[in-house]
């Protein structure tokens, strides 16, 4: 399961629309989920609208959070989107077998309970890939301590899963002049080193959310190209309904 988890206050102002970029991610099989850390006023309302549109285009969820709620929101969204993705795969499998809508509710009770059990198991055991994309524009500076705490708690949550959780981390704008995003941590299952990245973040400049999303999509493509040739089994391959 491939996800981009974007943490931002919205209001992108450079380059391609992040809504268009999120749609591109979805077409590549990558779900885009967005956590908004918002201020009040008109700017906050504009940011909230953009955040909702990005998540909708990326097939994911959006949640708005204050700095105090951020840690809980990030963990909840990551877990919930895993469940949502599994439900979508199961429904697709059922539709191919049953025809019509292929809804779980259409199954006999004993089959329905078995499908629910499988879904619960897959939620804990499936491989999960999360590309974390952090808005490090100047407007996010007062919120970064809350973001750091949220990411620390997210790492603990991912480490508690039975399945493999793989992570990469980007921030935007990038470190170099004109860079849309910078890669801080390449794909790894060693989640303990994420916290060391935060002191290195330079909070500055504009908000190129769309170009940053495109860069993460390309990073996913590069990883998939390297792994091609050793195709992995599908999520439901070991289960028969």
C-alpha atoms as a PDB file:
ATOM      1  CA  UNK A   1       0.000   0.000   0.000  1.00  0.00           C
ATOM      2  CA  UNK A   2       1.465   3.311  -1.089  1.00  0.00           C
ATOM      3  CA  UNK A   3       0.653   6.600   0.591  1.00  0.00           C
ATOM      4  CA  UNK A   4       1.832  10.179   0.619  1.00  0.00           C
ATOM      5  CA  UNK A   5       1.127  11.889   3.931  1.00  0.00           C
ATOM      6  CA  UNK A   6       1.282  15.640   3.416  1.00  0.00           C
ATOM      7  CA  UNK A   7       1.455  17.918   6.470  1.00  0.00           C
ATOM      8  CA  UNK A   8       0.832  21.542   5.511  1.00  0.00           C
ATOM      9  CA  UNK A   9      -1.054  24.732   6.284  1.00  0.00           C
ATOM     10  CA  UNK A  10      -2.172  24.947   2.654  1.00  0.00           C
ATOM     11  CA  UNK A  11      -1.906  28.044   0.472  1.00  0.00           C
ATOM     12  CA  UNK A  12       0.517  26.741  -2.151  1.00  0.00           C
ATOM     13  CA  UNK A  13       1.867  29.564  -4.270  1.00  0.00           C
ATOM     14  CA  UNK A  14       4.473  28.181  -6.680  1.00  0.00           C
ATOM     15  CA  UNK A  15       4.241  25.945  -9.736  1.00  0.00           C
ATOM     16  CA  UNK A  16       1.730  23.264 -10.680  1.00  0.00           C
ATOM     17  CA  UNK A  17      -1.527  23.009  -8.748  1.00  0.00           C
ATOM     18  CA  UNK A  18      -1.205  20.454  -5.932  1.00  0.00           C
ATOM     19  CA  UNK A  19      -4.672  19.190  -6.862  1.00  0.00           C
ATOM     20  CA  UNK A  20      -3.404  18.212 -10.316  1.00  0.00           C
ATOM     21  CA  UNK A  21      -0.319  16.606  -8.762  1.00  0.00           C
ATOM     22  CA  UNK A  22      -2.463  14.630  -6.313  1.00  0.00           C
ATOM     23  CA  UNK A  23      -4.568  13.304  -9.202  1.00  0.00           C
ATOM     24  CA  UNK A  24      -1.348  12.169 -10.875  1.00  0.00           C
ATOM     25  CA  UNK A  25      -0.356  10.333  -7.701  1.00  0.00           C
ATOM     26  CA  UNK A  26      -3.689   8.520  -7.597  1.00  0.00           C
ATOM     27  CA  UNK A  27      -3.285   7.435 -11.214  1.00  0.00           C
ATOM     28  CA  UNK A  28       0.049   5.913 -10.129  1.00  0.00           C
ATOM     29  CA  UNK A  29      -1.652   3.951  -7.345  1.00  0.00           C
ATOM     30  CA  UNK A  30      -0.516   6.313  -4.582  1.00  0.00           C
ATOM     31  CA  UNK A  31      -3.072   7.643  -2.120  1.00  0.00           C
ATOM     32  CA  UNK A  32      -2.564  11.239  -0.974  1.00  0.00           C
ATOM     33  CA  UNK A  33      -3.674  12.034   2.578  1.00  0.00           C
ATOM     34  CA  UNK A  34      -3.401  15.552   3.966  1.00  0.00           C
ATOM     35  CA  UNK A  35      -3.237  16.856   7.525  1.00  0.00           C
ATOM     36  CA  UNK A  36      -3.843  20.588   7.730  1.00  0.00           C
ATOM     37  CA  UNK A  37      -2.313  22.637  10.547  1.00  0.00           C
ATOM     38  CA  UNK A  38      -4.302  25.810  10.181  1.00  0.00           C
ATOM     39  CA  UNK A  39      -4.567  29.332  11.518  1.00  0.00           C
ATOM     40  CA  UNK A  40      -7.818  31.224  11.795  1.00  0.00           C
ATOM     41  CA  UNK A  41      -9.071  33.894   9.426  1.00  0.00           C
ATOM     42  CA  UNK A  42      -9.420  34.061   5.674  1.00  0.00           C
ATOM     43  CA  UNK A  43      -6.005  32.521   5.019  1.00  0.00           C
ATOM     44  CA  UNK A  44      -6.916  29.513   7.124  1.00  0.00           C
ATOM     45  CA  UNK A  45     -10.182  29.082   5.213  1.00  0.00           C
ATOM     46  CA  UNK A  46      -8.342  29.230   1.898  1.00  0.00           C
ATOM     47  CA  UNK A  47      -5.793  26.689   3.123  1.00  0.00           C
ATOM     48  CA  UNK A  48      -8.537  24.356   4.358  1.00  0.00           C
ATOM     49  CA  UNK A  49     -10.267  24.411   0.971  1.00  0.00           C
ATOM     50  CA  UNK A  50      -7.040  23.566  -0.836  1.00  0.00           C
ATOM     51  CA  UNK A  51      -6.246  20.758   1.614  1.00  0.00           C
ATOM     52  CA  UNK A  52      -9.652  19.166   1.060  1.00  0.00           C
ATOM     53  CA  UNK A  53      -9.277  19.402  -2.717  1.00  0.00           C
ATOM     54  CA  UNK A  54      -5.799  17.822  -2.656  1.00  0.00           C
ATOM     55  CA  UNK A  55      -7.004  14.835  -0.626  1.00  0.00           C
ATOM     56  CA  UNK A  56     -10.102  14.387  -2.785  1.00  0.00           C
ATOM     57  CA  UNK A  57      -8.040  14.392  -5.992  1.00  0.00           C
ATOM     58  CA  UNK A  58      -5.550  11.972  -4.424  1.00  0.00           C
ATOM     59  CA  UNK A  59      -8.199   9.488  -3.318  1.00  0.00           C
ATOM     60  CA  UNK A  60      -7.342  10.052   0.323  1.00  0.00           C
ATOM     61  CA  UNK A  61      -8.537  11.785   3.461  1.00  0.00           C
ATOM     62  CA  UNK A  62      -8.052  15.244   4.860  1.00  0.00           C
ATOM     63  CA  UNK A  63      -8.174  16.356   8.463  1.00  0.00           C
ATOM     64  CA  UNK A  64      -7.711  19.778  10.005  1.00  0.00           C
ATOM     65  CA  UNK A  65      -5.931  19.921  13.332  1.00  0.00           C
ATOM     66  CA  UNK A  66      -4.712  22.431  15.843  1.00  0.00           C
ATOM     67  CA  UNK A  67      -1.155  21.966  17.057  1.00  0.00           C
ATOM     68  CA  UNK A  68      -2.510  20.309  20.210  1.00  0.00           C
ATOM     69  CA  UNK A  69      -4.480  17.757  18.195  1.00  0.00           C
ATOM     70  CA  UNK A  70      -1.868  17.092  15.561  1.00  0.00           C
ATOM     71  CA  UNK A  71      -0.195  13.991  16.965  1.00  0.00           C
ATOM     72  CA  UNK A  72      -3.449  12.127  17.473  1.00  0.00           C
ATOM     73  CA  UNK A  73      -4.741  13.208  14.056  1.00  0.00           C
ATOM     74  CA  UNK A  74      -1.665  11.979  12.148  1.00  0.00           C
ATOM     75  CA  UNK A  75      -1.755   8.550  13.814  1.00  0.00           C
ATOM     76  CA  UNK A  76      -5.501   8.171  13.336  1.00  0.00           C
ATOM     77  CA  UNK A  77      -5.355   9.104   9.670  1.00  0.00           C
ATOM     78  CA  UNK A  78      -2.515   6.717   8.881  1.00  0.00           C
ATOM     79  CA  UNK A  79      -4.301   3.789  10.511  1.00  0.00           C
ATOM     80  CA  UNK A  80      -7.671   4.699   9.026  1.00  0.00           C
ATOM     81  CA  UNK A  81      -6.332   5.016   5.498  1.00  0.00           C
ATOM     82  CA  UNK A  82      -4.771   1.542   5.763  1.00  0.00           C
ATOM     83  CA  UNK A  83      -8.200   0.157   6.625  1.00  0.00           C
ATOM     84  CA  UNK A  84      -9.823   2.157   3.836  1.00  0.00           C
ATOM     85  CA  UNK A  85      -7.336   0.881   1.254  1.00  0.00           C
ATOM     86  CA  UNK A  86      -7.900  -2.714   2.316  1.00  0.00           C
ATOM     87  CA  UNK A  87     -11.657  -2.266   2.143  1.00  0.00           C
ATOM     88  CA  UNK A  88     -11.350  -0.956  -1.409  1.00  0.00           C
ATOM     89  CA  UNK A  89      -9.229  -3.951  -2.452  1.00  0.00           C
ATOM     90  CA  UNK A  90     -11.627  -6.417  -0.808  1.00  0.00           C
ATOM     91  CA  UNK A  91     -14.644  -4.800  -2.450  1.00  0.00           C
ATOM     92  CA  UNK A  92     -12.914  -5.010  -5.829  1.00  0.00           C
ATOM     93  CA  UNK A  93     -12.139  -8.701  -5.282  1.00  0.00           C
ATOM     94  CA  UNK A  94     -15.711  -9.382  -4.219  1.00  0.00           C
ATOM     95  CA  UNK A  95     -17.088  -7.566  -7.234  1.00  0.00           C
ATOM     96  CA  UNK A  96     -15.000  -9.740  -9.544  1.00  0.00           C
ATOM     97  CA  UNK A  97     -16.290 -12.874  -7.808  1.00  0.00           C
ATOM     98  CA  UNK A  98     -19.912 -11.904  -7.084  1.00  0.00           C
ATOM     99  CA  UNK A  99     -20.616  -9.397  -9.817  1.00  0.00           C
ATOM    100  CA  UNK A 100     -22.829  -6.390  -9.256  1.00  0.00           C
ATOM    101  CA  UNK A 101     -21.778  -4.169  -6.379  1.00  0.00           C
ATOM    102  CA  UNK A 102     -19.896  -6.959  -4.647  1.00  0.00           C
ATOM    103  CA  UNK A 103     -20.720  -5.515  -1.230  1.00  0.00           C
ATOM    104  CA  UNK A 104     -19.663  -7.321   1.928  1.00  0.00           C
ATOM    105  CA  UNK A 105     -23.247  -7.027   3.169  1.00  0.00           C
ATOM    106  CA  UNK A 106     -24.388  -9.297   0.314  1.00  0.00           C
ATOM    107  CA  UNK A 107     -22.384 -12.258   1.640  1.00  0.00           C
ATOM    108  CA  UNK A 108     -23.908 -14.932   3.863  1.00  0.00           C
ATOM    109  CA  UNK A 109     -23.222 -14.263   7.570  1.00  0.00           C
ATOM    110  CA  UNK A 110     -20.469 -16.879   7.929  1.00  0.00           C
ATOM    111  CA  UNK A 111     -18.666 -15.612   4.817  1.00  0.00           C
ATOM    112  CA  UNK A 112     -19.129 -12.009   5.914  1.00  0.00           C
ATOM    113  CA  UNK A 113     -17.485 -12.651   9.277  1.00  0.00           C
ATOM    114  CA  UNK A 114     -14.557 -14.380   7.543  1.00  0.00           C
ATOM    115  CA  UNK A 115     -14.041 -11.411   5.210  1.00  0.00           C
ATOM    116  CA  UNK A 116     -14.091  -8.993   8.157  1.00  0.00           C
ATOM    117  CA  UNK A 117     -11.532 -11.166   9.953  1.00  0.00           C
ATOM    118  CA  UNK A 118      -9.276 -11.155   6.902  1.00  0.00           C
ATOM    119  CA  UNK A 119      -9.583  -7.377   6.602  1.00  0.00           C
ATOM    120  CA  UNK A 120      -8.589  -6.918  10.245  1.00  0.00           C
ATOM    121  CA  UNK A 121      -5.609  -9.203   9.772  1.00  0.00           C
ATOM    122  CA  UNK A 122      -4.488  -7.450   6.601  1.00  0.00           C
ATOM    123  CA  UNK A 123      -4.638  -4.106   8.372  1.00  0.00           C
ATOM    124  CA  UNK A 124      -1.921  -5.272  10.755  1.00  0.00           C
ATOM    125  CA  UNK A 125       0.172  -7.461   8.466  1.00  0.00           C
ATOM    126  CA  UNK A 126       0.186  -5.788   5.028  1.00  0.00           C
ATOM    127  CA  UNK A 127       3.262  -3.951   3.844  1.00  0.00           C
ATOM    128  CA  UNK A 128       2.842  -0.208   4.126  1.00  0.00           C
ATOM    129  CA  UNK A 129       4.857   2.455   2.342  1.00  0.00           C
ATOM    130  CA  UNK A 130       4.492   6.049   3.503  1.00  0.00           C
ATOM    131  CA  UNK A 131       6.218   9.021   1.919  1.00  0.00           C
ATOM    132  CA  UNK A 132       6.047  11.813   4.475  1.00  0.00           C
ATOM    133  CA  UNK A 133       5.988  15.269   2.866  1.00  0.00           C
ATOM    134  CA  UNK A 134       6.440  18.137   5.319  1.00  0.00           C
ATOM    135  CA  UNK A 135       5.661  21.754   4.538  1.00  0.00           C
ATOM    136  CA  UNK A 136       8.668  23.713   5.815  1.00  0.00           C
ATOM    137  CA  UNK A 137       7.648  27.082   4.400  1.00  0.00           C
ATOM    138  CA  UNK A 138       8.031  30.163   6.582  1.00  0.00           C
ATOM    139  CA  UNK A 139       4.394  30.108   7.733  1.00  0.00           C
ATOM    140  CA  UNK A 140       4.895  26.647   9.273  1.00  0.00           C
ATOM    141  CA  UNK A 141       7.738  27.704  11.574  1.00  0.00           C
ATOM    142  CA  UNK A 142       5.637  28.226  14.735  1.00  0.00           C
ATOM    143  CA  UNK A 143       3.936  24.859  14.158  1.00  0.00           C
ATOM    144  CA  UNK A 144       7.028  22.723  13.633  1.00  0.00           C
ATOM    145  CA  UNK A 145       7.419  21.633  17.257  1.00  0.00           C
ATOM    146  CA  UNK A 146       3.933  20.095  17.064  1.00  0.00           C
ATOM    147  CA  UNK A 147       4.791  18.465  13.719  1.00  0.00           C
ATOM    148  CA  UNK A 148       7.930  16.939  15.252  1.00  0.00           C
ATOM    149  CA  UNK A 149       5.940  15.492  18.150  1.00  0.00           C
ATOM    150  CA  UNK A 150       3.320  14.119  15.765  1.00  0.00           C
ATOM    151  CA  UNK A 151       5.921  12.402  13.601  1.00  0.00           C
ATOM    152  CA  UNK A 152       7.598  10.864  16.635  1.00  0.00           C
ATOM    153  CA  UNK A 153       4.296   9.359  17.743  1.00  0.00           C
ATOM    154  CA  UNK A 154       3.555   8.194  14.203  1.00  0.00           C
ATOM    155  CA  UNK A 155       6.853   6.313  14.116  1.00  0.00           C
ATOM    156  CA  UNK A 156       5.946   4.513  17.342  1.00  0.00           C
ATOM    157  CA  UNK A 157       2.571   3.618  15.864  1.00  0.00           C
ATOM    158  CA  UNK A 158       4.119   2.232  12.669  1.00  0.00           C
ATOM    159  CA  UNK A 159       6.684   0.252  14.626  1.00  0.00           C
ATOM    160  CA  UNK A 160       3.882  -1.432  16.577  1.00  0.00           C
ATOM    161  CA  UNK A 161       2.397  -2.935  13.398  1.00  0.00           C
ATOM    162  CA  UNK A 162       3.051  -6.588  12.625  1.00  0.00           C
ATOM    163  CA  UNK A 163       3.571  -5.844   8.950  1.00  0.00           C
ATOM    164  CA  UNK A 164       6.537  -4.077   7.405  1.00  0.00           C
ATOM    165  CA  UNK A 165       6.290  -0.282   7.427  1.00  0.00           C
ATOM    166  CA  UNK A 166       8.626   1.524   5.052  1.00  0.00           C
ATOM    167  CA  UNK A 167       9.158   5.267   5.170  1.00  0.00           C
ATOM    168  CA  UNK A 168      10.749   8.078   3.250  1.00  0.00           C
ATOM    169  CA  UNK A 169      10.749  11.750   4.283  1.00  0.00           C
ATOM    170  CA  UNK A 170      10.755  14.933   2.197  1.00  0.00           C
ATOM    171  CA  UNK A 171      10.359  18.595   3.066  1.00  0.00           C
ATOM    172  CA  UNK A 172       9.572  21.577   0.874  1.00  0.00           C
ATOM    173  CA  UNK A 173      10.758  24.017  -0.286  1.00  0.00           C
ATOM    174  CA  UNK A 174      14.096  22.268  -0.776  1.00  0.00           C
ATOM    175  CA  UNK A 175      17.432  23.240   0.708  1.00  0.00           C
ATOM    176  CA  UNK A 176      18.971  24.503  -2.530  1.00  0.00           C
ATOM    177  CA  UNK A 177      17.925  27.601  -4.415  1.00  0.00           C
ATOM    178  CA  UNK A 178      15.014  26.705  -6.679  1.00  0.00           C
ATOM    179  CA  UNK A 179      14.617  23.183  -5.269  1.00  0.00           C
ATOM    180  CA  UNK A 180      10.985  22.151  -4.984  1.00  0.00           C
ATOM    181  CA  UNK A 181      11.646  19.544  -2.288  1.00  0.00           C
ATOM    182  CA  UNK A 182      14.547  17.839  -0.557  1.00  0.00           C
ATOM    183  CA  UNK A 183      14.813  14.145   0.281  1.00  0.00           C
ATOM    184  CA  UNK A 184      15.707  13.847   3.961  1.00  0.00           C
ATOM    185  CA  UNK A 185      15.400  10.088   4.363  1.00  0.00           C
ATOM    186  CA  UNK A 186      15.314   7.461   1.617  1.00  0.00           C
ATOM    187  CA  UNK A 187      13.147   4.360   1.894  1.00  0.00           C
ATOM    188  CA  UNK A 188      13.897   2.587   5.151  1.00  0.00           C
ATOM    189  CA  UNK A 189      12.285   0.290   7.689  1.00  0.00           C
ATOM    190  CA  UNK A 190      14.489   1.768  10.421  1.00  0.00           C
ATOM    191  CA  UNK A 191      12.108   4.392  11.754  1.00  0.00           C
ATOM    192  CA  UNK A 192      14.108   5.377  14.807  1.00  0.00           C
ATOM    193  CA  UNK A 193      16.274   7.921  12.991  1.00  0.00           C
ATOM    194  CA  UNK A 194      13.473  10.172  11.763  1.00  0.00           C
ATOM    195  CA  UNK A 195      13.622  12.563  14.721  1.00  0.00           C
ATOM    196  CA  UNK A 196      17.221  13.537  13.952  1.00  0.00           C
ATOM    197  CA  UNK A 197      16.012  15.166  10.727  1.00  0.00           C
ATOM    198  CA  UNK A 198      14.060  18.003  12.300  1.00  0.00           C
ATOM    199  CA  UNK A 199      16.928  20.149  13.604  1.00  0.00           C
ATOM    200  CA  UNK A 200      18.251  20.260  10.029  1.00  0.00           C
ATOM    201  CA  UNK A 201      15.072  21.679   8.472  1.00  0.00           C
ATOM    202  CA  UNK A 202      15.395  25.213   7.177  1.00  0.00           C
ATOM    203  CA  UNK A 203      12.071  27.008   7.487  1.00  0.00           C
ATOM    204  CA  UNK A 204      11.909  29.476   4.664  1.00  0.00           C
ATOM    205  CA  UNK A 205      10.439  30.783   1.493  1.00  0.00           C
ATOM    206  CA  UNK A 206       7.516  29.836  -0.681  1.00  0.00           C
ATOM    207  CA  UNK A 207       5.132  26.869  -0.745  1.00  0.00           C
ATOM    208  CA  UNK A 208       5.627  24.739  -3.900  1.00  0.00           C
ATOM    209  CA  UNK A 209       3.239  21.981  -2.823  1.00  0.00           C
ATOM    210  CA  UNK A 210       2.366  20.756  -6.326  1.00  0.00           C
ATOM    211  CA  UNK A 211       5.962  20.418  -7.578  1.00  0.00           C
ATOM    212  CA  UNK A 212       6.931  18.774  -4.264  1.00  0.00           C
ATOM    213  CA  UNK A 213       4.198  16.161  -4.724  1.00  0.00           C
ATOM    214  CA  UNK A 214       5.454  15.448  -8.239  1.00  0.00           C
ATOM    215  CA  UNK A 215       8.952  14.900  -6.867  1.00  0.00           C
ATOM    216  CA  UNK A 216       7.636  12.340  -4.364  1.00  0.00           C
ATOM    217  CA  UNK A 217       5.742  10.567  -7.149  1.00  0.00           C
ATOM    218  CA  UNK A 218       8.970  10.293  -9.145  1.00  0.00           C
ATOM    219  CA  UNK A 219      10.694   8.890  -6.059  1.00  0.00           C
ATOM    220  CA  UNK A 220       8.043   6.181  -5.847  1.00  0.00           C
ATOM    221  CA  UNK A 221       8.492   5.413  -9.534  1.00  0.00           C
ATOM    222  CA  UNK A 222      12.234   5.062  -9.098  1.00  0.00           C
ATOM    223  CA  UNK A 223      11.766   2.639  -6.232  1.00  0.00           C
ATOM    224  CA  UNK A 224       9.238   0.593  -8.182  1.00  0.00           C
ATOM    225  CA  UNK A 225      11.580   0.457 -11.191  1.00  0.00           C
ATOM    226  CA  UNK A 226      14.364  -0.905  -8.986  1.00  0.00           C
ATOM    227  CA  UNK A 227      12.085  -3.601  -7.625  1.00  0.00           C
ATOM    228  CA  UNK A 228      10.580  -4.581 -10.974  1.00  0.00           C
ATOM    229  CA  UNK A 229      11.342  -8.120 -11.986  1.00  0.00           C
ATOM    230  CA  UNK A 230      10.562  -9.543  -8.551  1.00  0.00           C
ATOM    231  CA  UNK A 231       6.819  -9.041  -8.540  1.00  0.00           C
ATOM    232  CA  UNK A 232       5.192  -9.232  -5.115  1.00  0.00           C
ATOM    233  CA  UNK A 233       2.011 -11.176  -4.510  1.00  0.00           C
ATOM    234  CA  UNK A 234      -1.191  -9.175  -4.361  1.00  0.00           C
ATOM    235  CA  UNK A 235      -2.689  -8.260  -1.041  1.00  0.00           C
ATOM    236  CA  UNK A 236      -5.460 -10.863  -1.292  1.00  0.00           C
ATOM    237  CA  UNK A 237      -3.472 -13.631  -2.962  1.00  0.00           C
ATOM    238  CA  UNK A 238      -3.378 -15.893   0.088  1.00  0.00           C
ATOM    239  CA  UNK A 239      -7.085 -15.676   0.853  1.00  0.00           C
ATOM    240  CA  UNK A 240     -10.104 -17.358  -0.693  1.00  0.00           C
ATOM    241  CA  UNK A 241     -13.627 -16.113  -0.038  1.00  0.00           C
END
